Amino acid sequence: FPQVNAEIDGEDVIFKHYYDIGVAVSGSRGLVVPVVRNADKLSL
């Protein structure tokens, strides 16, 4: 379902054929969302 990996840019939809997955974590000063790049190419 590539729509869930897309974004709306004005009147366009940008479909992203890569998977950079943000993982929300609680830091010392609040919530941050660091990103695991190209997660589809990584093993468990």
PDB file of all heavy atoms in Angstrom:
ATOM      1  N   PHE A   1       0.856  -1.192   0.000  1.00  0.00           N
ATOM      2  CA  PHE A   1       0.000   0.000   0.000  1.00  0.00           C
ATOM      3  C   PHE A   1       0.895   1.246   0.000  1.00  0.00           C
ATOM      4  O   PHE A   1       1.125   1.867   1.031  1.00  0.00           O
ATOM      5  CB  PHE A   1      -0.931  -0.017   1.209  1.00  0.00           C
ATOM      6  CG  PHE A   1      -1.797  -1.242   1.271  1.00  0.00           C
ATOM      7  CD1 PHE A   1      -1.426  -2.326   2.055  1.00  0.00           C
ATOM      8  CD2 PHE A   1      -2.942  -1.343   0.503  1.00  0.00           C
ATOM      9  CE1 PHE A   1      -2.197  -3.476   2.101  1.00  0.00           C
ATOM     10  CE2 PHE A   1      -3.724  -2.494   0.536  1.00  0.00           C
ATOM     11  CZ  PHE A   1      -3.354  -3.561   1.330  1.00  0.00           C
ATOM     12  N   PRO A   2       1.413   1.614  -1.168  1.00  0.00           N
ATOM     13  CA  PRO A   2       2.408   2.686  -1.254  1.00  0.00           C
ATOM     14  C   PRO A   2       1.890   4.058  -0.847  1.00  0.00           C
ATOM     15  O   PRO A   2       2.690   4.950  -0.574  1.00  0.00           O
ATOM     16  CB  PRO A   2       2.828   2.661  -2.729  1.00  0.00           C
ATOM     17  CG  PRO A   2       1.708   1.970  -3.446  1.00  0.00           C
ATOM     18  CD  PRO A   2       1.163   0.980  -2.471  1.00  0.00           C
ATOM     19  N   GLN A   3       0.560   4.243  -0.780  1.00  0.00           N
ATOM     20  CA  GLN A   3       0.044   5.534  -0.337  1.00  0.00           C
ATOM     21  C   GLN A   3       0.496   5.865   1.091  1.00  0.00           C
ATOM     22  O   GLN A   3       0.673   7.028   1.449  1.00  0.00           O
ATOM     23  CB  GLN A   3      -1.493   5.552  -0.361  1.00  0.00           C
ATOM     24  CG  GLN A   3      -2.105   5.241  -1.717  1.00  0.00           C
ATOM     25  CD  GLN A   3      -2.510   3.785  -1.808  1.00  0.00           C
ATOM     26  OE1 GLN A   3      -1.744   2.895  -1.414  1.00  0.00           O
ATOM     27  NE2 GLN A   3      -3.701   3.531  -2.338  1.00  0.00           N
ATOM     28  N   VAL A   4       0.684   4.815   1.899  1.00  0.00           N
ATOM     29  CA  VAL A   4       1.057   5.030   3.297  1.00  0.00           C
ATOM     30  C   VAL A   4       2.523   5.451   3.398  1.00  0.00           C
ATOM     31  O   VAL A   4       2.950   5.970   4.427  1.00  0.00           O
ATOM     32  CB  VAL A   4       0.775   3.757   4.125  1.00  0.00           C
ATOM     33  CG1 VAL A   4       0.928   4.038   5.615  1.00  0.00           C
ATOM     34  CG2 VAL A   4      -0.636   3.236   3.849  1.00  0.00           C
ATOM     35  N   ASN A   5       3.274   5.255   2.321  1.00  0.00           N
ATOM     36  CA  ASN A   5       4.687   5.651   2.304  1.00  0.00           C
ATOM     37  C   ASN A   5       4.899   6.900   1.443  1.00  0.00           C
ATOM     38  O   ASN A   5       6.025   7.207   1.058  1.00  0.00           O
ATOM     39  CB  ASN A   5       5.548   4.509   1.749  1.00  0.00           C
ATOM     40  CG  ASN A   5       7.008   4.625   2.139  1.00  0.00           C
ATOM     41  OD1 ASN A   5       7.332   4.800   3.301  1.00  0.00           O
ATOM     42  ND2 ASN A   5       7.901   4.522   1.152  1.00  0.00           N
ATOM     43  N   ALA A   6       3.830   7.619   1.181  1.00  0.00           N
ATOM     44  CA  ALA A   6       3.889   8.779   0.301  1.00  0.00           C
ATOM     45  C   ALA A   6       3.703  10.069   1.101  1.00  0.00           C
ATOM     46  O   ALA A   6       3.517  10.052   2.320  1.00  0.00           O
ATOM     47  CB  ALA A   6       2.823   8.659  -0.780  1.00  0.00           C
ATOM     48  N   GLU A   7       3.771  11.189   0.398  1.00  0.00           N
ATOM     49  CA  GLU A   7       3.475  12.482   1.031  1.00  0.00           C
ATOM     50  C   GLU A   7       2.752  13.367   0.032  1.00  0.00           C
ATOM     51  O   GLU A   7       2.894  13.208  -1.191  1.00  0.00           O
ATOM     52  CB  GLU A   7       4.737  13.174   1.528  1.00  0.00           C
ATOM     53  CG  GLU A   7       5.588  13.826   0.463  1.00  0.00           C
ATOM     54  CD  GLU A   7       6.730  14.641   1.043  1.00  0.00           C
ATOM     55  OE1 GLU A   7       7.739  14.051   1.468  1.00  0.00           O
ATOM     56  OE2 GLU A   7       6.631  15.875   1.042  1.00  0.00           O
ATOM     57  N   ILE A   8       1.966  14.296   0.559  1.00  0.00           N
ATOM     58  CA  ILE A   8       1.250  15.261  -0.261  1.00  0.00           C
ATOM     59  C   ILE A   8       2.094  16.520  -0.366  1.00  0.00           C
ATOM     60  O   ILE A   8       2.526  17.079   0.650  1.00  0.00           O
ATOM     61  CB  ILE A   8      -0.128  15.583   0.341  1.00  0.00           C
ATOM     62  CG1 ILE A   8      -1.001  14.328   0.350  1.00  0.00           C
ATOM     63  CG2 ILE A   8      -0.808  16.702  -0.435  1.00  0.00           C
ATOM     64  CD1 ILE A   8      -2.347  14.527   1.041  1.00  0.00           C
ATOM     65  N   ASP A   9       2.342  16.973  -1.588  1.00  0.00           N
ATOM     66  CA  ASP A   9       3.101  18.196  -1.828  1.00  0.00           C
ATOM     67  C   ASP A   9       2.268  19.100  -2.715  1.00  0.00           C
ATOM     68  O   ASP A   9       2.298  18.985  -3.937  1.00  0.00           O
ATOM     69  CB  ASP A   9       4.443  17.865  -2.490  1.00  0.00           C
ATOM     70  CG  ASP A   9       5.318  19.102  -2.666  1.00  0.00           C
ATOM     71  OD1 ASP A   9       5.051  20.118  -1.998  1.00  0.00           O
ATOM     72  OD2 ASP A   9       6.260  19.054  -3.478  1.00  0.00           O
ATOM     73  N   GLY A  10       1.518  19.995  -2.084  1.00  0.00           N
ATOM     74  CA  GLY A  10       0.612  20.842  -2.850  1.00  0.00           C
ATOM     75  C   GLY A  10      -0.480  20.021  -3.487  1.00  0.00           C
ATOM     76  O   GLY A  10      -1.260  19.361  -2.798  1.00  0.00           O
ATOM     77  N   GLU A  11      -0.534  20.042  -4.829  1.00  0.00           N
ATOM     78  CA  GLU A  11      -1.517  19.249  -5.551  1.00  0.00           C
ATOM     79  C   GLU A  11      -0.923  17.947  -6.085  1.00  0.00           C
ATOM     80  O   GLU A  11      -1.573  17.231  -6.843  1.00  0.00           O
ATOM     81  CB  GLU A  11      -2.085  20.074  -6.715  1.00  0.00           C
ATOM     82  CG  GLU A  11      -2.846  21.314  -6.250  1.00  0.00           C
ATOM     83  CD  GLU A  11      -3.447  22.084  -7.398  1.00  0.00           C
ATOM     84  OE1 GLU A  11      -3.187  21.700  -8.570  1.00  0.00           O
ATOM     85  OE2 GLU A  11      -4.182  23.051  -7.147  1.00  0.00           O
ATOM     86  N   ASP A  12       0.320  17.654  -5.671  1.00  0.00           N
ATOM     87  CA  ASP A  12       0.977  16.431  -6.123  1.00  0.00           C
ATOM     88  C   ASP A  12       1.105  15.435  -4.983  1.00  0.00           C
ATOM     89  O   ASP A  12       1.100  15.800  -3.809  1.00  0.00           O
ATOM     90  CB  ASP A  12       2.379  16.741  -6.673  1.00  0.00           C
ATOM     91  CG  ASP A  12       2.338  17.674  -7.873  1.00  0.00           C
ATOM     92  OD1 ASP A  12       1.360  17.594  -8.637  1.00  0.00           O
ATOM     93  OD2 ASP A  12       3.265  18.487  -8.025  1.00  0.00           O
ATOM     94  N   VAL A  13       1.245  14.174  -5.357  1.00  0.00           N
ATOM     95  CA  VAL A  13       1.534  13.102  -4.414  1.00  0.00           C
ATOM     96  C   VAL A  13       2.901  12.535  -4.765  1.00  0.00           C
ATOM     97  O   VAL A  13       3.166  12.189  -5.920  1.00  0.00           O
ATOM     98  CB  VAL A  13       0.473  11.985  -4.469  1.00  0.00           C
ATOM     99  CG1 VAL A  13       0.842  10.852  -3.508  1.00  0.00           C
ATOM    100  CG2 VAL A  13      -0.897  12.547  -4.118  1.00  0.00           C
ATOM    101  N   ILE A  14       3.789  12.468  -3.782  1.00  0.00           N
ATOM    102  CA  ILE A  14       5.128  11.934  -3.996  1.00  0.00           C
ATOM    103  C   ILE A  14       5.178  10.520  -3.422  1.00  0.00           C
ATOM    104  O   ILE A  14       5.085  10.330  -2.205  1.00  0.00           O
ATOM    105  CB  ILE A  14       6.192  12.822  -3.330  1.00  0.00           C
ATOM    106  CG1 ILE A  14       6.124  14.243  -3.896  1.00  0.00           C
ATOM    107  CG2 ILE A  14       7.585  12.223  -3.519  1.00  0.00           C
ATOM    108  CD1 ILE A  14       7.058  15.212  -3.209  1.00  0.00           C
ATOM    109  N   PHE A  15       5.293   9.532  -4.314  1.00  0.00           N
ATOM    110  CA  PHE A  15       5.422   8.142  -3.890  1.00  0.00           C
ATOM    111  C   PHE A  15       6.906   7.827  -3.718  1.00  0.00           C
ATOM    112  O   PHE A  15       7.705   8.034  -4.634  1.00  0.00           O
ATOM    113  CB  PHE A  15       4.785   7.197  -4.908  1.00  0.00           C
ATOM    114  CG  PHE A  15       3.287   7.272  -4.946  1.00  0.00           C
ATOM    115  CD1 PHE A  15       2.647   8.126  -5.829  1.00  0.00           C
ATOM    116  CD2 PHE A  15       2.521   6.503  -4.082  1.00  0.00           C
ATOM    117  CE1 PHE A  15       1.264   8.209  -5.855  1.00  0.00           C
ATOM    118  CE2 PHE A  15       1.135   6.577  -4.101  1.00  0.00           C
ATOM    119  CZ  PHE A  15       0.502   7.431  -4.985  1.00  0.00           C
ATOM    120  N   LYS A  16       7.261   7.318  -2.578  1.00  0.00           N
ATOM    121  CA  LYS A  16       8.667   7.083  -2.247  1.00  0.00           C
ATOM    122  C   LYS A  16       8.970   5.588  -2.360  1.00  0.00           C
ATOM    123  O   LYS A  16       8.363   4.777  -1.659  1.00  0.00           O
ATOM    124  CB  LYS A  16       8.960   7.588  -0.833  1.00  0.00           C
ATOM    125  CG  LYS A  16       8.646   9.083  -0.691  1.00  0.00           C
ATOM    126  CD  LYS A  16       8.756   9.577   0.725  1.00  0.00           C
ATOM    127  CE  LYS A  16       8.356  11.035   0.813  1.00  0.00           C
ATOM    128  NZ  LYS A  16       8.410  11.558   2.191  1.00  0.00           N
ATOM    129  N   HIS A  17       9.923   5.274  -3.216  1.00  0.00           N
ATOM    130  CA  HIS A  17      10.297   3.882  -3.436  1.00  0.00           C
ATOM    131  C   HIS A  17      11.535   3.528  -2.619  1.00  0.00           C
ATOM    132  O   HIS A  17      12.438   2.838  -3.102  1.00  0.00           O
ATOM    133  CB  HIS A  17      10.503   3.631  -4.931  1.00  0.00           C
ATOM    134  CG  HIS A  17       9.299   3.986  -5.760  1.00  0.00           C
ATOM    135  ND1 HIS A  17       8.096   3.322  -5.638  1.00  0.00           N
ATOM    136  CD2 HIS A  17       9.098   4.949  -6.685  1.00  0.00           C
ATOM    137  CE1 HIS A  17       7.211   3.845  -6.466  1.00  0.00           C
ATOM    138  NE2 HIS A  17       7.788   4.842  -7.114  1.00  0.00           N
ATOM    139  N   TYR A  18      11.567   4.018  -1.426  1.00  0.00           N
ATOM    140  CA  TYR A  18      12.592   3.673  -0.439  1.00  0.00           C
ATOM    141  C   TYR A  18      11.913   3.724   0.924  1.00  0.00           C
ATOM    142  O   TYR A  18      10.829   4.325   1.071  1.00  0.00           O
ATOM    143  CB  TYR A  18      13.789   4.630  -0.508  1.00  0.00           C
ATOM    144  CG  TYR A  18      13.436   6.088  -0.310  1.00  0.00           C
ATOM    145  CD1 TYR A  18      13.538   6.693   0.944  1.00  0.00           C
ATOM    146  CD2 TYR A  18      12.980   6.869  -1.376  1.00  0.00           C
ATOM    147  CE1 TYR A  18      13.204   8.022   1.137  1.00  0.00           C
ATOM    148  CE2 TYR A  18      12.642   8.199  -1.194  1.00  0.00           C
ATOM    149  CZ  TYR A  18      12.764   8.775   0.067  1.00  0.00           C
ATOM    150  OH  TYR A  18      12.431  10.101   0.247  1.00  0.00           O
ATOM    151  N   TYR A  19      12.548   3.123   1.911  1.00  0.00           N
ATOM    152  CA  TYR A  19      11.876   2.935   3.193  1.00  0.00           C
ATOM    153  C   TYR A  19      12.815   3.371   4.323  1.00  0.00           C
ATOM    154  O   TYR A  19      13.619   2.589   4.827  1.00  0.00           O
ATOM    155  CB  TYR A  19      11.446   1.470   3.348  1.00  0.00           C
ATOM    156  CG  TYR A  19      10.571   1.034   2.192  1.00  0.00           C
ATOM    157  CD1 TYR A  19      11.142   0.444   1.059  1.00  0.00           C
ATOM    158  CD2 TYR A  19       9.208   1.261   2.203  1.00  0.00           C
ATOM    159  CE1 TYR A  19      10.367   0.078  -0.024  1.00  0.00           C
ATOM    160  CE2 TYR A  19       8.426   0.899   1.114  1.00  0.00           C
ATOM    161  CZ  TYR A  19       9.001   0.311   0.016  1.00  0.00           C
ATOM    162  OH  TYR A  19       8.220  -0.034  -1.062  1.00  0.00           O
ATOM    163  N   ASP A  20      12.711   4.646   4.668  1.00  0.00           N
ATOM    164  CA  ASP A  20      13.447   5.216   5.791  1.00  0.00           C
ATOM    165  C   ASP A  20      12.471   5.297   6.962  1.00  0.00           C
ATOM    166  O   ASP A  20      11.591   6.171   6.995  1.00  0.00           O
ATOM    167  CB  ASP A  20      13.992   6.604   5.445  1.00  0.00           C
ATOM    168  CG  ASP A  20      15.105   6.547   4.409  1.00  0.00           C
ATOM    169  OD1 ASP A  20      15.608   5.441   4.162  1.00  0.00           O
ATOM    170  OD2 ASP A  20      15.463   7.599   3.852  1.00  0.00           O
ATOM    171  N   ILE A  21      12.621   4.391   7.896  1.00  0.00           N
ATOM    172  CA  ILE A  21      11.627   4.215   8.957  1.00  0.00           C
ATOM    173  C   ILE A  21      12.046   4.989  10.212  1.00  0.00           C
ATOM    174  O   ILE A  21      13.115   4.750  10.786  1.00  0.00           O
ATOM    175  CB  ILE A  21      11.442   2.726   9.304  1.00  0.00           C
ATOM    176  CG1 ILE A  21      11.126   1.931   8.034  1.00  0.00           C
ATOM    177  CG2 ILE A  21      10.345   2.558  10.341  1.00  0.00           C
ATOM    178  CD1 ILE A  21       9.862   2.362   7.316  1.00  0.00           C
ATOM    179  N   GLY A  22      11.199   5.916  10.629  1.00  0.00           N
ATOM    180  CA  GLY A  22      11.424   6.636  11.869  1.00  0.00           C
ATOM    181  C   GLY A  22      10.927   5.814  13.054  1.00  0.00           C
ATOM    182  O   GLY A  22       9.854   5.194  12.981  1.00  0.00           O
ATOM    183  N   VAL A  23      11.712   5.796  14.119  1.00  0.00           N
ATOM    184  CA  VAL A  23      11.340   5.069  15.337  1.00  0.00           C
ATOM    185  C   VAL A  23      11.288   6.068  16.480  1.00  0.00           C
ATOM    186  O   VAL A  23      12.318   6.619  16.883  1.00  0.00           O
ATOM    187  CB  VAL A  23      12.353   3.945  15.641  1.00  0.00           C
ATOM    188  CG1 VAL A  23      11.939   3.198  16.905  1.00  0.00           C
ATOM    189  CG2 VAL A  23      12.465   2.986  14.473  1.00  0.00           C
ATOM    190  N   ALA A  24      10.089   6.343  16.978  1.00  0.00           N
ATOM    191  CA  ALA A  24       9.931   7.339  18.038  1.00  0.00           C
ATOM    192  C   ALA A  24      10.515   6.809  19.341  1.00  0.00           C
ATOM    193  O   ALA A  24      10.204   5.697  19.767  1.00  0.00           O
ATOM    194  CB  ALA A  24       8.452   7.668  18.217  1.00  0.00           C
ATOM    195  N   VAL A  25      11.385   7.597  19.960  1.00  0.00           N
ATOM    196  CA  VAL A  25      11.993   7.229  21.234  1.00  0.00           C
ATOM    197  C   VAL A  25      11.927   8.433  22.161  1.00  0.00           C
ATOM    198  O   VAL A  25      11.868   9.578  21.725  1.00  0.00           O
ATOM    199  CB  VAL A  25      13.451   6.758  21.068  1.00  0.00           C
ATOM    200  CG1 VAL A  25      13.522   5.481  20.266  1.00  0.00           C
ATOM    201  CG2 VAL A  25      14.294   7.840  20.403  1.00  0.00           C
ATOM    202  N   SER A  26      11.960   8.157  23.434  1.00  0.00           N
ATOM    203  CA  SER A  26      11.914   9.213  24.433  1.00  0.00           C
ATOM    204  C   SER A  26      13.330   9.572  24.846  1.00  0.00           C
ATOM    205  O   SER A  26      14.031   8.775  25.462  1.00  0.00           O
ATOM    206  CB  SER A  26      11.108   8.754  25.654  1.00  0.00           C
ATOM    207  OG  SER A  26      11.029   9.783  26.623  1.00  0.00           O
ATOM    208  N   GLY A  27      13.783  10.772  24.465  1.00  0.00           N
ATOM    209  CA  GLY A  27      15.098  11.260  24.854  1.00  0.00           C
ATOM    210  C   GLY A  27      15.044  11.963  26.191  1.00  0.00           C
ATOM    211  O   GLY A  27      13.987  12.076  26.819  1.00  0.00           O
ATOM    212  N   SER A  28      16.182  12.488  26.618  1.00  0.00           N
ATOM    213  CA  SER A  28      16.240  13.142  27.922  1.00  0.00           C
ATOM    214  C   SER A  28      15.455  14.439  27.945  1.00  0.00           C
ATOM    215  O   SER A  28      15.063  14.916  29.008  1.00  0.00           O
ATOM    216  CB  SER A  28      17.701  13.415  28.303  1.00  0.00           C
ATOM    217  OG  SER A  28      18.291  14.351  27.421  1.00  0.00           O
ATOM    218  N   ARG A  29      15.214  15.042  26.766  1.00  0.00           N
ATOM    219  CA  ARG A  29      14.521  16.316  26.708  1.00  0.00           C
ATOM    220  C   ARG A  29      13.196  16.242  25.948  1.00  0.00           C
ATOM    221  O   ARG A  29      12.623  17.266  25.603  1.00  0.00           O
ATOM    222  CB  ARG A  29      15.419  17.379  26.081  1.00  0.00           C
ATOM    223  CG  ARG A  29      16.582  17.772  26.967  1.00  0.00           C
ATOM    224  CD  ARG A  29      17.491  18.787  26.279  1.00  0.00           C
ATOM    225  NE  ARG A  29      18.498  19.299  27.198  1.00  0.00           N
ATOM    226  CZ  ARG A  29      19.642  18.709  27.461  1.00  0.00           C
ATOM    227  NH1 ARG A  29      19.921  17.553  26.883  1.00  0.00           N
ATOM    228  NH2 ARG A  29      20.502  19.236  28.306  1.00  0.00           N
ATOM    229  N   GLY A  30      12.727  15.030  25.667  1.00  0.00           N
ATOM    230  CA  GLY A  30      11.445  14.904  24.990  1.00  0.00           C
ATOM    231  C   GLY A  30      11.491  13.873  23.878  1.00  0.00           C
ATOM    232  O   GLY A  30      12.495  13.198  23.648  1.00  0.00           O
ATOM    233  N   LEU A  31      10.383  13.772  23.167  1.00  0.00           N
ATOM    234  CA  LEU A  31      10.230  12.774  22.113  1.00  0.00           C
ATOM    235  C   LEU A  31      11.030  13.170  20.879  1.00  0.00           C
ATOM    236  O   LEU A  31      10.966  14.316  20.424  1.00  0.00           O
ATOM    237  CB  LEU A  31       8.762  12.634  21.735  1.00  0.00           C
ATOM    238  CG  LEU A  31       8.426  11.591  20.668  1.00  0.00           C
ATOM    239  CD1 LEU A  31       8.589  10.197  21.233  1.00  0.00           C
ATOM    240  CD2 LEU A  31       7.009  11.799  20.157  1.00  0.00           C
ATOM    241  N   VAL A  32      11.793  12.226  20.353  1.00  0.00           N
ATOM    242  CA  VAL A  32      12.506  12.425  19.091  1.00  0.00           C
ATOM    243  C   VAL A  32      12.264  11.217  18.211  1.00  0.00           C
ATOM    244  O   VAL A  32      11.913  10.136  18.692  1.00  0.00           O
ATOM    245  CB  VAL A  32      14.022  12.633  19.312  1.00  0.00           C
ATOM    246  CG1 VAL A  32      14.299  13.958  19.989  1.00  0.00           C
ATOM    247  CG2 VAL A  32      14.624  11.490  20.115  1.00  0.00           C
ATOM    248  N   VAL A  33      12.450  11.399  16.893  1.00  0.00           N
ATOM    249  CA  VAL A  33      12.169  10.322  15.943  1.00  0.00           C
ATOM    250  C   VAL A  33      13.381  10.149  15.027  1.00  0.00           C
ATOM    251  O   VAL A  33      13.399  10.658  13.899  1.00  0.00           O
ATOM    252  CB  VAL A  33      10.895  10.606  15.125  1.00  0.00           C
ATOM    253  CG1 VAL A  33      10.531   9.386  14.269  1.00  0.00           C
ATOM    254  CG2 VAL A  33       9.739  10.974  16.029  1.00  0.00           C
ATOM    255  N   PRO A  34      14.407   9.438  15.473  1.00  0.00           N
ATOM    256  CA  PRO A  34      15.532   9.146  14.583  1.00  0.00           C
ATOM    257  C   PRO A  34      15.108   8.164  13.498  1.00  0.00           C
ATOM    258  O   PRO A  34      14.138   7.413  13.661  1.00  0.00           O
ATOM    259  CB  PRO A  34      16.577   8.542  15.522  1.00  0.00           C
ATOM    260  CG  PRO A  34      15.790   7.989  16.659  1.00  0.00           C
ATOM    261  CD  PRO A  34      14.605   8.890  16.824  1.00  0.00           C
ATOM    262  N   VAL A  35      15.855   8.162  12.407  1.00  0.00           N
ATOM    263  CA  VAL A  35      15.446   7.427  11.208  1.00  0.00           C
ATOM    264  C   VAL A  35      16.437   6.313  10.889  1.00  0.00           C
ATOM    265  O   VAL A  35      17.652   6.529  10.870  1.00  0.00           O
ATOM    266  CB  VAL A  35      15.331   8.385  10.003  1.00  0.00           C
ATOM    267  CG1 VAL A  35      14.942   7.617   8.743  1.00  0.00           C
ATOM    268  CG2 VAL A  35      14.300   9.476  10.304  1.00  0.00           C
ATOM    269  N   VAL A  36      15.907   5.120  10.634  1.00  0.00           N
ATOM    270  CA  VAL A  36      16.706   3.995  10.145  1.00  0.00           C
ATOM    271  C   VAL A  36      16.643   4.035   8.624  1.00  0.00           C
ATOM    272  O   VAL A  36      15.593   3.799   8.026  1.00  0.00           O
ATOM    273  CB  VAL A  36      16.165   2.652  10.675  1.00  0.00           C
ATOM    274  CG1 VAL A  36      17.005   1.500  10.138  1.00  0.00           C
ATOM    275  CG2 VAL A  36      16.147   2.637  12.190  1.00  0.00           C
ATOM    276  N   ARG A  37      17.776   4.339   7.985  1.00  0.00           N
ATOM    277  CA  ARG A  37      17.815   4.515   6.535  1.00  0.00           C
ATOM    278  C   ARG A  37      17.794   3.170   5.803  1.00  0.00           C
ATOM    279  O   ARG A  37      18.413   2.205   6.244  1.00  0.00           O
ATOM    280  CB  ARG A  37      19.080   5.271   6.125  1.00  0.00           C
ATOM    281  CG  ARG A  37      19.294   6.589   6.856  1.00  0.00           C
ATOM    282  CD  ARG A  37      18.319   7.641   6.416  1.00  0.00           C
ATOM    283  NE  ARG A  37      18.485   8.867   7.212  1.00  0.00           N
ATOM    284  CZ  ARG A  37      17.699   9.912   7.129  1.00  0.00           C
ATOM    285  NH1 ARG A  37      16.673   9.900   6.298  1.00  0.00           N
ATOM    286  NH2 ARG A  37      17.911  10.971   7.884  1.00  0.00           N
ATOM    287  N   ASN A  38      17.071   3.152   4.684  1.00  0.00           N
ATOM    288  CA  ASN A  38      17.014   1.962   3.818  1.00  0.00           C
ATOM    289  C   ASN A  38      16.760   0.704   4.642  1.00  0.00           C
ATOM    290  O   ASN A  38      17.458  -0.317   4.503  1.00  0.00           O
ATOM    291  CB  ASN A  38      18.317   1.828   3.026  1.00  0.00           C
ATOM    292  CG  ASN A  38      18.563   3.014   2.104  1.00  0.00           C
ATOM    293  OD1 ASN A  38      17.669   3.426   1.371  1.00  0.00           O
ATOM    294  ND2 ASN A  38      19.755   3.574   2.162  1.00  0.00           N
ATOM    295  N   ALA A  39      15.744   0.784   5.484  1.00  0.00           N
ATOM    296  CA  ALA A  39      15.458  -0.317   6.401  1.00  0.00           C
ATOM    297  C   ALA A  39      15.090  -1.597   5.677  1.00  0.00           C
ATOM    298  O   ALA A  39      15.253  -2.699   6.225  1.00  0.00           O
ATOM    299  CB  ALA A  39      14.329   0.089   7.351  1.00  0.00           C
ATOM    300  N   ASP A  40      14.601  -1.499   4.435  1.00  0.00           N
ATOM    301  CA  ASP A  40      14.221  -2.695   3.694  1.00  0.00           C
ATOM    302  C   ASP A  40      15.430  -3.537   3.294  1.00  0.00           C
ATOM    303  O   ASP A  40      15.283  -4.718   2.955  1.00  0.00           O
ATOM    304  CB  ASP A  40      13.436  -2.308   2.437  1.00  0.00           C
ATOM    305  CG  ASP A  40      14.210  -1.365   1.534  1.00  0.00           C
ATOM    306  OD1 ASP A  40      14.786  -0.391   2.052  1.00  0.00           O
ATOM    307  OD2 ASP A  40      14.244  -1.592   0.312  1.00  0.00           O
ATOM    308  N   LYS A  41      16.617  -2.951   3.333  1.00  0.00           N
ATOM    309  CA  LYS A  41      17.822  -3.679   2.947  1.00  0.00           C
ATOM    310  C   LYS A  41      18.574  -4.255   4.149  1.00  0.00           C
ATOM    311  O   LYS A  41      19.651  -4.834   3.992  1.00  0.00           O
ATOM    312  CB  LYS A  41      18.756  -2.748   2.159  1.00  0.00           C
ATOM    313  CG  LYS A  41      18.111  -2.146   0.914  1.00  0.00           C
ATOM    314  CD  LYS A  41      19.075  -1.278   0.150  1.00  0.00           C
ATOM    315  CE  LYS A  41      18.405  -0.594  -1.025  1.00  0.00           C
ATOM    316  NZ  LYS A  41      17.756  -1.529  -1.962  1.00  0.00           N
ATOM    317  N   LEU A  42      18.024  -4.094   5.347  1.00  0.00           N
ATOM    318  CA  LEU A  42      18.705  -4.525   6.565  1.00  0.00           C
ATOM    319  C   LEU A  42      18.128  -5.842   7.079  1.00  0.00           C
ATOM    320  O   LEU A  42      16.923  -6.098   6.968  1.00  0.00           O
ATOM    321  CB  LEU A  42      18.577  -3.461   7.651  1.00  0.00           C
ATOM    322  CG  LEU A  42      19.122  -2.067   7.309  1.00  0.00           C
ATOM    323  CD1 LEU A  42      18.922  -1.119   8.486  1.00  0.00           C
ATOM    324  CD2 LEU A  42      20.590  -2.132   6.921  1.00  0.00           C
ATOM    325  N   SER A  43      18.989  -6.666   7.655  1.00  0.00           N
ATOM    326  CA  SER A  43      18.552  -7.907   8.293  1.00  0.00           C
ATOM    327  C   SER A  43      17.930  -7.591   9.650  1.00  0.00           C
ATOM    328  O   SER A  43      18.001  -6.450  10.141  1.00  0.00           O
ATOM    329  CB  SER A  43      19.741  -8.843   8.476  1.00  0.00           C
ATOM    330  OG  SER A  43      20.671  -8.278   9.405  1.00  0.00           O
ATOM    331  N   LEU A  44      17.340  -8.618  10.271  1.00  0.00           N
ATOM    332  CA  LEU A  44      16.782  -8.414  11.612  1.00  0.00           C
ATOM    333  C   LEU A  44      17.859  -7.962  12.591  1.00  0.00           C
ATOM    334  O   LEU A  44      17.619  -7.091  13.429  1.00  0.00           O
ATOM    335  CB  LEU A  44      16.122  -9.704  12.100  1.00  0.00           C
ATOM    336  CG  LEU A  44      14.840 -10.161  11.378  1.00  0.00           C
ATOM    337  CD1 LEU A  44      14.351 -11.472  11.979  1.00  0.00           C
ATOM    338  CD2 LEU A  44      13.754  -9.103  11.470  1.00  0.00           C
TER     339      LEU A  44
END
